[in-house]
Amino acid sequence: TDLTPHLTAHGVDGTVLVQSSSSYEETAELLALTAAAGPVRGVV
């Protein structure tokens, strides 16, 4: 929700969300965002 206003302002339709810690748990949490109706199209 912090990022979405920036995406809207610049006509960004989708994003690639990238890991920031060495954690399978974090990766699973990020992947949950791809299941929702939102801009995240994939996770690295």
PDB file of all heavy atoms in Angstrom:
ATOM      1  N   THR A   1       0.819  -1.217   0.000  1.00  0.00           N
ATOM      2  CA  THR A   1       0.000   0.000   0.000  1.00  0.00           C
ATOM      3  C   THR A   1       0.852   1.265   0.000  1.00  0.00           C
ATOM      4  O   THR A   1       0.386   2.328  -0.413  1.00  0.00           O
ATOM      5  CB  THR A   1      -0.945   0.012   1.204  1.00  0.00           C
ATOM      6  OG1 THR A   1      -0.184  -0.232   2.409  1.00  0.00           O
ATOM      7  CG2 THR A   1      -2.020  -1.054   1.069  1.00  0.00           C
ATOM      8  N   ASP A   2       2.106   1.156   0.469  1.00  0.00           N
ATOM      9  CA  ASP A   2       3.007   2.312   0.423  1.00  0.00           C
ATOM     10  C   ASP A   2       3.502   2.570  -0.996  1.00  0.00           C
ATOM     11  O   ASP A   2       3.791   3.707  -1.368  1.00  0.00           O
ATOM     12  CB  ASP A   2       4.213   2.083   1.339  1.00  0.00           C
ATOM     13  CG  ASP A   2       3.825   1.938   2.797  1.00  0.00           C
ATOM     14  OD1 ASP A   2       3.058   2.793   3.285  1.00  0.00           O
ATOM     15  OD2 ASP A   2       4.271   0.973   3.445  1.00  0.00           O
ATOM     16  N   LEU A   3       3.626   1.496  -1.776  1.00  0.00           N
ATOM     17  CA  LEU A   3       4.149   1.618  -3.136  1.00  0.00           C
ATOM     18  C   LEU A   3       3.066   1.976  -4.145  1.00  0.00           C
ATOM     19  O   LEU A   3       3.332   2.699  -5.113  1.00  0.00           O
ATOM     20  CB  LEU A   3       4.803   0.292  -3.545  1.00  0.00           C
ATOM     21  CG  LEU A   3       5.288   0.170  -4.992  1.00  0.00           C
ATOM     22  CD1 LEU A   3       6.367   1.202  -5.295  1.00  0.00           C
ATOM     23  CD2 LEU A   3       5.794  -1.245  -5.272  1.00  0.00           C
ATOM     24  N   THR A   4       1.863   1.490  -3.944  1.00  0.00           N
ATOM     25  CA  THR A   4       0.810   1.608  -4.958  1.00  0.00           C
ATOM     26  C   THR A   4       0.585   3.030  -5.464  1.00  0.00           C
ATOM     27  O   THR A   4       0.418   3.227  -6.680  1.00  0.00           O
ATOM     28  CB  THR A   4      -0.503   1.017  -4.420  1.00  0.00           C
ATOM     29  OG1 THR A   4      -0.278  -0.354  -4.058  1.00  0.00           O
ATOM     30  CG2 THR A   4      -1.599   1.075  -5.463  1.00  0.00           C
ATOM     31  N   PRO A   5       0.574   4.062  -4.625  1.00  0.00           N
ATOM     32  CA  PRO A   5       0.366   5.412  -5.165  1.00  0.00           C
ATOM     33  C   PRO A   5       1.431   5.824  -6.177  1.00  0.00           C
ATOM     34  O   PRO A   5       1.132   6.531  -7.149  1.00  0.00           O
ATOM     35  CB  PRO A   5       0.417   6.302  -3.911  1.00  0.00           C
ATOM     36  CG  PRO A   5       0.035   5.397  -2.792  1.00  0.00           C
ATOM     37  CD  PRO A   5       0.609   4.070  -3.141  1.00  0.00           C
ATOM     38  N   HIS A   6       2.674   5.381  -5.983  1.00  0.00           N
ATOM     39  CA  HIS A   6       3.733   5.695  -6.939  1.00  0.00           C
ATOM     40  C   HIS A   6       3.485   4.986  -8.266  1.00  0.00           C
ATOM     41  O   HIS A   6       3.691   5.563  -9.343  1.00  0.00           O
ATOM     42  CB  HIS A   6       5.090   5.279  -6.378  1.00  0.00           C
ATOM     43  CG  HIS A   6       5.467   5.968  -5.104  1.00  0.00           C
ATOM     44  ND1 HIS A   6       5.663   7.322  -5.027  1.00  0.00           N
ATOM     45  CD2 HIS A   6       5.678   5.471  -3.852  1.00  0.00           C
ATOM     46  CE1 HIS A   6       5.994   7.646  -3.786  1.00  0.00           C
ATOM     47  NE2 HIS A   6       5.998   6.536  -3.057  1.00  0.00           N
ATOM     48  N   LEU A   7       3.044   3.746  -8.200  1.00  0.00           N
ATOM     49  CA  LEU A   7       2.757   3.000  -9.420  1.00  0.00           C
ATOM     50  C   LEU A   7       1.633   3.670 -10.201  1.00  0.00           C
ATOM     51  O   LEU A   7       1.723   3.847 -11.427  1.00  0.00           O
ATOM     52  CB  LEU A   7       2.374   1.559  -9.087  1.00  0.00           C
ATOM     53  CG  LEU A   7       3.376   0.740  -8.264  1.00  0.00           C
ATOM     54  CD1 LEU A   7       2.830  -0.670  -8.033  1.00  0.00           C
ATOM     55  CD2 LEU A   7       4.739   0.686  -8.933  1.00  0.00           C
ATOM     56  N   THR A   8       0.581   4.048  -9.496  1.00  0.00           N
ATOM     57  CA  THR A   8      -0.560   4.687 -10.146  1.00  0.00           C
ATOM     58  C   THR A   8      -0.158   6.002 -10.795  1.00  0.00           C
ATOM     59  O   THR A   8      -0.554   6.302 -11.932  1.00  0.00           O
ATOM     60  CB  THR A   8      -1.679   4.928  -9.124  1.00  0.00           C
ATOM     61  OG1 THR A   8      -2.073   3.673  -8.551  1.00  0.00           O
ATOM     62  CG2 THR A   8      -2.883   5.587  -9.764  1.00  0.00           C
ATOM     63  N   ALA A   9       0.660   6.781 -10.093  1.00  0.00           N
ATOM     64  CA  ALA A   9       1.068   8.091 -10.600  1.00  0.00           C
ATOM     65  C   ALA A   9       1.877   7.990 -11.879  1.00  0.00           C
ATOM     66  O   ALA A   9       1.883   8.924 -12.691  1.00  0.00           O
ATOM     67  CB  ALA A   9       1.861   8.838  -9.527  1.00  0.00           C
ATOM     68  N   HIS A  10       2.565   6.864 -12.085  1.00  0.00           N
ATOM     69  CA  HIS A  10       3.446   6.729 -13.245  1.00  0.00           C
ATOM     70  C   HIS A  10       2.970   5.657 -14.222  1.00  0.00           C
ATOM     71  O   HIS A  10       3.736   5.218 -15.085  1.00  0.00           O
ATOM     72  CB  HIS A  10       4.870   6.443 -12.772  1.00  0.00           C
ATOM     73  CG  HIS A  10       5.458   7.588 -12.003  1.00  0.00           C
ATOM     74  ND1 HIS A  10       5.959   8.719 -12.602  1.00  0.00           N
ATOM     75  CD2 HIS A  10       5.576   7.797 -10.666  1.00  0.00           C
ATOM     76  CE1 HIS A  10       6.378   9.565 -11.686  1.00  0.00           C
ATOM     77  NE2 HIS A  10       6.153   9.030 -10.495  1.00  0.00           N
ATOM     78  N   GLY A  11       1.711   5.265 -14.092  1.00  0.00           N
ATOM     79  CA  GLY A  11       1.123   4.343 -15.046  1.00  0.00           C
ATOM     80  C   GLY A  11       1.750   2.969 -15.054  1.00  0.00           C
ATOM     81  O   GLY A  11       1.774   2.304 -16.094  1.00  0.00           O
ATOM     82  N   VAL A  12       2.248   2.513 -13.908  1.00  0.00           N
ATOM     83  CA  VAL A  12       2.865   1.190 -13.823  1.00  0.00           C
ATOM     84  C   VAL A  12       1.781   0.150 -13.560  1.00  0.00           C
ATOM     85  O   VAL A  12       1.043   0.237 -12.581  1.00  0.00           O
ATOM     86  CB  VAL A  12       3.936   1.155 -12.712  1.00  0.00           C
ATOM     87  CG1 VAL A  12       4.509  -0.244 -12.566  1.00  0.00           C
ATOM     88  CG2 VAL A  12       5.042   2.154 -13.014  1.00  0.00           C
ATOM     89  N   ASP A  13       1.708  -0.840 -14.455  1.00  0.00           N
ATOM     90  CA  ASP A  13       0.653  -1.846 -14.379  1.00  0.00           C
ATOM     91  C   ASP A  13       1.025  -3.049 -13.538  1.00  0.00           C
ATOM     92  O   ASP A  13       0.152  -3.713 -12.976  1.00  0.00           O
ATOM     93  CB  ASP A  13       0.314  -2.337 -15.783  1.00  0.00           C
ATOM     94  CG  ASP A  13      -0.054  -1.200 -16.722  1.00  0.00           C
ATOM     95  OD1 ASP A  13      -1.096  -0.573 -16.495  1.00  0.00           O
ATOM     96  OD2 ASP A  13       0.716  -0.932 -17.659  1.00  0.00           O
ATOM     97  N   GLY A  14       2.314  -3.384 -13.498  1.00  0.00           N
ATOM     98  CA  GLY A  14       2.738  -4.581 -12.784  1.00  0.00           C
ATOM     99  C   GLY A  14       4.154  -4.435 -12.269  1.00  0.00           C
ATOM    100  O   GLY A  14       4.897  -3.554 -12.707  1.00  0.00           O
ATOM    101  N   THR A  15       4.523  -5.310 -11.340  1.00  0.00           N
ATOM    102  CA  THR A  15       5.845  -5.219 -10.724  1.00  0.00           C
ATOM    103  C   THR A  15       6.447  -6.596 -10.525  1.00  0.00           C
ATOM    104  O   THR A  15       5.754  -7.619 -10.518  1.00  0.00           O
ATOM    105  CB  THR A  15       5.781  -4.526  -9.345  1.00  0.00           C
ATOM    106  OG1 THR A  15       5.152  -5.415  -8.398  1.00  0.00           O
ATOM    107  CG2 THR A  15       5.032  -3.212  -9.399  1.00  0.00           C
ATOM    108  N   VAL A  16       7.760  -6.591 -10.348  1.00  0.00           N
ATOM    109  CA  VAL A  16       8.495  -7.772  -9.904  1.00  0.00           C
ATOM    110  C   VAL A  16       9.019  -7.453  -8.507  1.00  0.00           C
ATOM    111  O   VAL A  16       9.784  -6.501  -8.318  1.00  0.00           O
ATOM    112  CB  VAL A  16       9.651  -8.120 -10.851  1.00  0.00           C
ATOM    113  CG1 VAL A  16      10.432  -9.322 -10.316  1.00  0.00           C
ATOM    114  CG2 VAL A  16       9.122  -8.406 -12.252  1.00  0.00           C
ATOM    115  N   LEU A  17       8.599  -8.228  -7.536  1.00  0.00           N
ATOM    116  CA  LEU A  17       8.960  -8.042  -6.134  1.00  0.00           C
ATOM    117  C   LEU A  17      10.179  -8.905  -5.829  1.00  0.00           C
ATOM    118  O   LEU A  17      10.166 -10.113  -6.090  1.00  0.00           O
ATOM    119  CB  LEU A  17       7.772  -8.417  -5.253  1.00  0.00           C
ATOM    120  CG  LEU A  17       7.933  -8.425  -3.742  1.00  0.00           C
ATOM    121  CD1 LEU A  17       8.477  -7.102  -3.235  1.00  0.00           C
ATOM    122  CD2 LEU A  17       6.589  -8.732  -3.084  1.00  0.00           C
ATOM    123  N   VAL A  18      11.225  -8.296  -5.280  1.00  0.00           N
ATOM    124  CA  VAL A  18      12.512  -8.964  -5.104  1.00  0.00           C
ATOM    125  C   VAL A  18      12.828  -9.137  -3.624  1.00  0.00           C
ATOM    126  O   VAL A  18      12.610  -8.229  -2.811  1.00  0.00           O
ATOM    127  CB  VAL A  18      13.631  -8.172  -5.798  1.00  0.00           C
ATOM    128  CG1 VAL A  18      14.987  -8.868  -5.662  1.00  0.00           C
ATOM    129  CG2 VAL A  18      13.295  -7.983  -7.287  1.00  0.00           C
ATOM    130  N   GLN A  19      13.374 -10.299  -3.283  1.00  0.00           N
ATOM    131  CA  GLN A  19      13.731 -10.615  -1.907  1.00  0.00           C
ATOM    132  C   GLN A  19      14.715  -9.592  -1.338  1.00  0.00           C
ATOM    133  O   GLN A  19      15.477  -8.962  -2.062  1.00  0.00           O
ATOM    134  CB  GLN A  19      14.342 -12.001  -1.821  1.00  0.00           C
ATOM    135  CG  GLN A  19      15.640 -12.215  -2.601  1.00  0.00           C
ATOM    136  CD  GLN A  19      16.905 -11.786  -1.876  1.00  0.00           C
ATOM    137  OE1 GLN A  19      17.762 -11.150  -2.484  1.00  0.00           O
ATOM    138  NE2 GLN A  19      17.049 -12.133  -0.606  1.00  0.00           N
ATOM    139  N   SER A  20      14.713  -9.488  -0.014  1.00  0.00           N
ATOM    140  CA  SER A  20      15.696  -8.630   0.655  1.00  0.00           C
ATOM    141  C   SER A  20      16.408  -9.343   1.793  1.00  0.00           C
ATOM    142  O   SER A  20      17.343  -8.792   2.361  1.00  0.00           O
ATOM    143  CB  SER A  20      15.025  -7.354   1.190  1.00  0.00           C
ATOM    144  OG  SER A  20      13.935  -7.666   2.030  1.00  0.00           O
ATOM    145  N   SER A  21      15.975 -10.557   2.140  1.00  0.00           N
ATOM    146  CA  SER A  21      16.674 -11.334   3.161  1.00  0.00           C
ATOM    147  C   SER A  21      16.771 -12.791   2.721  1.00  0.00           C
ATOM    148  O   SER A  21      15.992 -13.257   1.889  1.00  0.00           O
ATOM    149  CB  SER A  21      15.967 -11.246   4.524  1.00  0.00           C
ATOM    150  OG  SER A  21      14.732 -11.937   4.493  1.00  0.00           O
ATOM    151  N   SER A  22      17.737 -13.489   3.279  1.00  0.00           N
ATOM    152  CA  SER A  22      17.978 -14.891   2.923  1.00  0.00           C
ATOM    153  C   SER A  22      17.057 -15.779   3.740  1.00  0.00           C
ATOM    154  O   SER A  22      17.464 -16.386   4.728  1.00  0.00           O
ATOM    155  CB  SER A  22      19.450 -15.248   3.165  1.00  0.00           C
ATOM    156  OG  SER A  22      20.288 -14.432   2.377  1.00  0.00           O
ATOM    157  N   SER A  23      15.806 -15.868   3.292  1.00  0.00           N
ATOM    158  CA  SER A  23      14.789 -16.522   4.111  1.00  0.00           C
ATOM    159  C   SER A  23      13.718 -17.138   3.224  1.00  0.00           C
ATOM    160  O   SER A  23      13.092 -16.430   2.420  1.00  0.00           O
ATOM    161  CB  SER A  23      14.160 -15.491   5.058  1.00  0.00           C
ATOM    162  OG  SER A  23      12.945 -15.946   5.588  1.00  0.00           O
ATOM    163  N   TYR A  24      13.502 -18.440   3.379  1.00  0.00           N
ATOM    164  CA  TYR A  24      12.384 -19.072   2.695  1.00  0.00           C
ATOM    165  C   TYR A  24      11.051 -18.513   3.204  1.00  0.00           C
ATOM    166  O   TYR A  24      10.082 -18.412   2.454  1.00  0.00           O
ATOM    167  CB  TYR A  24      12.404 -20.585   2.912  1.00  0.00           C
ATOM    168  CG  TYR A  24      13.398 -21.321   2.042  1.00  0.00           C
ATOM    169  CD1 TYR A  24      14.462 -22.019   2.609  1.00  0.00           C
ATOM    170  CD2 TYR A  24      13.261 -21.338   0.662  1.00  0.00           C
ATOM    171  CE1 TYR A  24      15.371 -22.710   1.812  1.00  0.00           C
ATOM    172  CE2 TYR A  24      14.164 -22.024  -0.139  1.00  0.00           C
ATOM    173  CZ  TYR A  24      15.216 -22.703   0.441  1.00  0.00           C
ATOM    174  OH  TYR A  24      16.104 -23.381  -0.353  1.00  0.00           O
ATOM    175  N   GLU A  25      11.013 -18.172   4.489  1.00  0.00           N
ATOM    176  CA  GLU A  25       9.776 -17.644   5.067  1.00  0.00           C
ATOM    177  C   GLU A  25       9.402 -16.325   4.414  1.00  0.00           C
ATOM    178  O   GLU A  25       8.236 -16.096   4.076  1.00  0.00           O
ATOM    179  CB  GLU A  25       9.927 -17.475   6.581  1.00  0.00           C
ATOM    180  CG  GLU A  25      10.028 -18.776   7.358  1.00  0.00           C
ATOM    181  CD  GLU A  25      11.408 -19.422   7.239  1.00  0.00           C
ATOM    182  OE1 GLU A  25      12.378 -18.728   6.844  1.00  0.00           O
ATOM    183  OE2 GLU A  25      11.516 -20.631   7.539  1.00  0.00           O
ATOM    184  N   GLU A  26      10.394 -15.436   4.232  1.00  0.00           N
ATOM    185  CA  GLU A  26      10.098 -14.166   3.567  1.00  0.00           C
ATOM    186  C   GLU A  26       9.622 -14.412   2.144  1.00  0.00           C
ATOM    187  O   GLU A  26       8.662 -13.789   1.671  1.00  0.00           O
ATOM    188  CB  GLU A  26      11.333 -13.264   3.537  1.00  0.00           C
ATOM    189  CG  GLU A  26      11.054 -11.929   2.845  1.00  0.00           C
ATOM    190  CD  GLU A  26      12.311 -11.179   2.429  1.00  0.00           C
ATOM    191  OE1 GLU A  26      13.032 -11.671   1.531  1.00  0.00           O
ATOM    192  OE2 GLU A  26      12.547 -10.092   2.971  1.00  0.00           O
ATOM    193  N   THR A  27      10.287 -15.332   1.435  1.00  0.00           N
ATOM    194  CA  THR A  27       9.898 -15.626   0.061  1.00  0.00           C
ATOM    195  C   THR A  27       8.448 -16.078  -0.013  1.00  0.00           C
ATOM    196  O   THR A  27       7.680 -15.628  -0.878  1.00  0.00           O
ATOM    197  CB  THR A  27      10.835 -16.684  -0.542  1.00  0.00           C
ATOM    198  OG1 THR A  27      12.162 -16.152  -0.614  1.00  0.00           O
ATOM    199  CG2 THR A  27      10.389 -17.086  -1.937  1.00  0.00           C
ATOM    200  N   ALA A  28       8.028 -16.945   0.897  1.00  0.00           N
ATOM    201  CA  ALA A  28       6.637 -17.415   0.915  1.00  0.00           C
ATOM    202  C   ALA A  28       5.675 -16.262   1.183  1.00  0.00           C
ATOM    203  O   ALA A  28       4.588 -16.186   0.584  1.00  0.00           O
ATOM    204  CB  ALA A  28       6.465 -18.513   1.960  1.00  0.00           C
ATOM    205  N   GLU A  29       6.053 -15.356   2.073  1.00  0.00           N
ATOM    206  CA  GLU A  29       5.192 -14.201   2.368  1.00  0.00           C
ATOM    207  C   GLU A  29       5.053 -13.292   1.146  1.00  0.00           C
ATOM    208  O   GLU A  29       3.960 -12.784   0.851  1.00  0.00           O
ATOM    209  CB  GLU A  29       5.773 -13.414   3.547  1.00  0.00           C
ATOM    210  CG  GLU A  29       5.695 -14.155   4.869  1.00  0.00           C
ATOM    211  CD  GLU A  29       6.665 -13.601   5.911  1.00  0.00           C
ATOM    212  OE1 GLU A  29       7.261 -12.533   5.672  1.00  0.00           O
ATOM    213  OE2 GLU A  29       6.840 -14.245   6.958  1.00  0.00           O
ATOM    214  N   LEU A  30       6.147 -13.081   0.433  1.00  0.00           N
ATOM    215  CA  LEU A  30       6.089 -12.256  -0.770  1.00  0.00           C
ATOM    216  C   LEU A  30       5.243 -12.926  -1.847  1.00  0.00           C
ATOM    217  O   LEU A  30       4.489 -12.260  -2.570  1.00  0.00           O
ATOM    218  CB  LEU A  30       7.501 -11.992  -1.294  1.00  0.00           C
ATOM    219  CG  LEU A  30       8.465 -11.258  -0.352  1.00  0.00           C
ATOM    220  CD1 LEU A  30       9.821 -11.070  -1.030  1.00  0.00           C
ATOM    221  CD2 LEU A  30       7.898  -9.925   0.102  1.00  0.00           C
ATOM    222  N   LEU A  31       5.365 -14.241  -1.962  1.00  0.00           N
ATOM    223  CA  LEU A  31       4.602 -14.959  -2.971  1.00  0.00           C
ATOM    224  C   LEU A  31       3.096 -14.869  -2.719  1.00  0.00           C
ATOM    225  O   LEU A  31       2.299 -14.936  -3.665  1.00  0.00           O
ATOM    226  CB  LEU A  31       5.040 -16.425  -3.019  1.00  0.00           C
ATOM    227  CG  LEU A  31       6.395 -16.674  -3.681  1.00  0.00           C
ATOM    228  CD1 LEU A  31       6.883 -18.086  -3.405  1.00  0.00           C
ATOM    229  CD2 LEU A  31       6.307 -16.426  -5.182  1.00  0.00           C
ATOM    230  N   ALA A  32       2.714 -14.713  -1.469  1.00  0.00           N
ATOM    231  CA  ALA A  32       1.290 -14.582  -1.162  1.00  0.00           C
ATOM    232  C   ALA A  32       0.691 -13.364  -1.855  1.00  0.00           C
ATOM    233  O   ALA A  32      -0.517 -13.337  -2.159  1.00  0.00           O
ATOM    234  CB  ALA A  32       1.082 -14.497   0.353  1.00  0.00           C
ATOM    235  N   LEU A  33       1.513 -12.355  -2.124  1.00  0.00           N
ATOM    236  CA  LEU A  33       1.017 -11.139  -2.763  1.00  0.00           C
ATOM    237  C   LEU A  33       0.682 -11.356  -4.234  1.00  0.00           C
ATOM    238  O   LEU A  33      -0.079 -10.589  -4.819  1.00  0.00           O
ATOM    239  CB  LEU A  33       2.040 -10.016  -2.626  1.00  0.00           C
ATOM    240  CG  LEU A  33       2.293  -9.528  -1.201  1.00  0.00           C
ATOM    241  CD1 LEU A  33       3.440  -8.537  -1.170  1.00  0.00           C
ATOM    242  CD2 LEU A  33       1.032  -8.893  -0.628  1.00  0.00           C
ATOM    243  N   THR A  34       1.254 -12.392  -4.853  1.00  0.00           N
ATOM    244  CA  THR A  34       0.931 -12.647  -6.256  1.00  0.00           C
ATOM    245  C   THR A  34      -0.443 -13.281  -6.417  1.00  0.00           C
ATOM    246  O   THR A  34      -1.012 -13.268  -7.513  1.00  0.00           O
ATOM    247  CB  THR A  34       1.981 -13.572  -6.921  1.00  0.00           C
ATOM    248  OG1 THR A  34       1.904 -14.872  -6.333  1.00  0.00           O
ATOM    249  CG2 THR A  34       3.379 -13.012  -6.752  1.00  0.00           C
ATOM    250  N   ALA A  35      -0.972 -13.832  -5.326  1.00  0.00           N
ATOM    251  CA  ALA A  35      -2.284 -14.474  -5.390  1.00  0.00           C
ATOM    252  C   ALA A  35      -3.416 -13.461  -5.279  1.00  0.00           C
ATOM    253  O   ALA A  35      -4.565 -13.763  -5.614  1.00  0.00           O
ATOM    254  CB  ALA A  35      -2.419 -15.517  -4.279  1.00  0.00           C
ATOM    255  N   ALA A  36      -3.101 -12.252  -4.826  1.00  0.00           N
ATOM    256  CA  ALA A  36      -4.116 -11.221  -4.668  1.00  0.00           C
ATOM    257  C   ALA A  36      -4.260 -10.426  -5.968  1.00  0.00           C
ATOM    258  O   ALA A  36      -3.399 -10.463  -6.845  1.00  0.00           O
ATOM    259  CB  ALA A  36      -3.734 -10.286  -3.518  1.00  0.00           C
ATOM    260  N   ALA A  37      -5.365  -9.713  -6.087  1.00  0.00           N
ATOM    261  CA  ALA A  37      -5.585  -8.868  -7.260  1.00  0.00           C
ATOM    262  C   ALA A  37      -4.815  -7.568  -7.051  1.00  0.00           C
ATOM    263  O   ALA A  37      -5.324  -6.613  -6.493  1.00  0.00           O
ATOM    264  CB  ALA A  37      -7.072  -8.588  -7.443  1.00  0.00           C
ATOM    265  N   GLY A  38      -3.577  -7.567  -7.469  1.00  0.00           N
ATOM    266  CA  GLY A  38      -2.730  -6.401  -7.272  1.00  0.00           C
ATOM    267  C   GLY A  38      -1.659  -6.330  -8.335  1.00  0.00           C
ATOM    268  O   GLY A  38      -1.666  -7.102  -9.298  1.00  0.00           O
ATOM    269  N   PRO A  39      -0.688  -5.440  -8.162  1.00  0.00           N
ATOM    270  CA  PRO A  39       0.295  -5.225  -9.217  1.00  0.00           C
ATOM    271  C   PRO A  39       1.418  -6.252  -9.281  1.00  0.00           C
ATOM    272  O   PRO A  39       2.128  -6.316 -10.277  1.00  0.00           O
ATOM    273  CB  PRO A  39       0.863  -3.844  -8.871  1.00  0.00           C
ATOM    274  CG  PRO A  39       0.724  -3.752  -7.378  1.00  0.00           C
ATOM    275  CD  PRO A  39      -0.556  -4.478  -7.059  1.00  0.00           C
ATOM    276  N   VAL A  40       1.636  -7.043  -8.217  1.00  0.00           N
ATOM    277  CA  VAL A  40       2.785  -7.953  -8.185  1.00  0.00           C
ATOM    278  C   VAL A  40       2.538  -9.116  -9.141  1.00  0.00           C
ATOM    279  O   VAL A  40       1.679  -9.964  -8.915  1.00  0.00           O
ATOM    280  CB  VAL A  40       3.054  -8.476  -6.769  1.00  0.00           C
ATOM    281  CG1 VAL A  40       4.233  -9.448  -6.782  1.00  0.00           C
ATOM    282  CG2 VAL A  40       3.347  -7.316  -5.821  1.00  0.00           C
ATOM    283  N   ARG A  41       3.321  -9.158 -10.223  1.00  0.00           N
ATOM    284  CA  ARG A  41       3.163 -10.207 -11.239  1.00  0.00           C
ATOM    285  C   ARG A  41       4.064 -11.408 -10.972  1.00  0.00           C
ATOM    286  O   ARG A  41       3.816 -12.503 -11.465  1.00  0.00           O
ATOM    287  CB  ARG A  41       3.476  -9.650 -12.625  1.00  0.00           C
ATOM    288  CG  ARG A  41       2.565  -8.522 -13.078  1.00  0.00           C
ATOM    289  CD  ARG A  41       1.141  -9.020 -13.329  1.00  0.00           C
ATOM    290  NE  ARG A  41       0.344  -8.050 -14.052  1.00  0.00           N
ATOM    291  CZ  ARG A  41      -0.405  -7.105 -13.487  1.00  0.00           C
ATOM    292  NH1 ARG A  41      -0.443  -7.024 -12.163  1.00  0.00           N
ATOM    293  NH2 ARG A  41      -1.104  -6.264 -14.213  1.00  0.00           N
ATOM    294  N   GLY A  42       5.121 -11.197 -10.225  1.00  0.00           N
ATOM    295  CA  GLY A  42       6.033 -12.290  -9.923  1.00  0.00           C
ATOM    296  C   GLY A  42       6.999 -11.901  -8.837  1.00  0.00           C
ATOM    297  O   GLY A  42       7.185 -10.714  -8.542  1.00  0.00           O
ATOM    298  N   VAL A  43       7.615 -12.906  -8.217  1.00  0.00           N
ATOM    299  CA  VAL A  43       8.549 -12.705  -7.109  1.00  0.00           C
ATOM    300  C   VAL A  43       9.892 -13.328  -7.459  1.00  0.00           C
ATOM    301  O   VAL A  43       9.956 -14.473  -7.929  1.00  0.00           O
ATOM    302  CB  VAL A  43       8.002 -13.336  -5.804  1.00  0.00           C
ATOM    303  CG1 VAL A  43       9.082 -13.366  -4.717  1.00  0.00           C
ATOM    304  CG2 VAL A  43       6.777 -12.567  -5.327  1.00  0.00           C
ATOM    305  N   VAL A  44      10.954 -12.562  -7.251  1.00  0.00           N
ATOM    306  CA  VAL A  44      12.312 -13.109  -7.247  1.00  0.00           C
ATOM    307  C   VAL A  44      12.652 -13.355  -5.788  1.00  0.00           C
ATOM    308  O   VAL A  44      12.900 -12.419  -5.032  1.00  0.00           O
ATOM    309  CB  VAL A  44      13.317 -12.141  -7.901  1.00  0.00           C
ATOM    310  CG1 VAL A  44      14.742 -12.680  -7.754  1.00  0.00           C
ATOM    311  CG2 VAL A  44      12.979 -11.939  -9.370  1.00  0.00           C
TER     312      VAL A  44
END
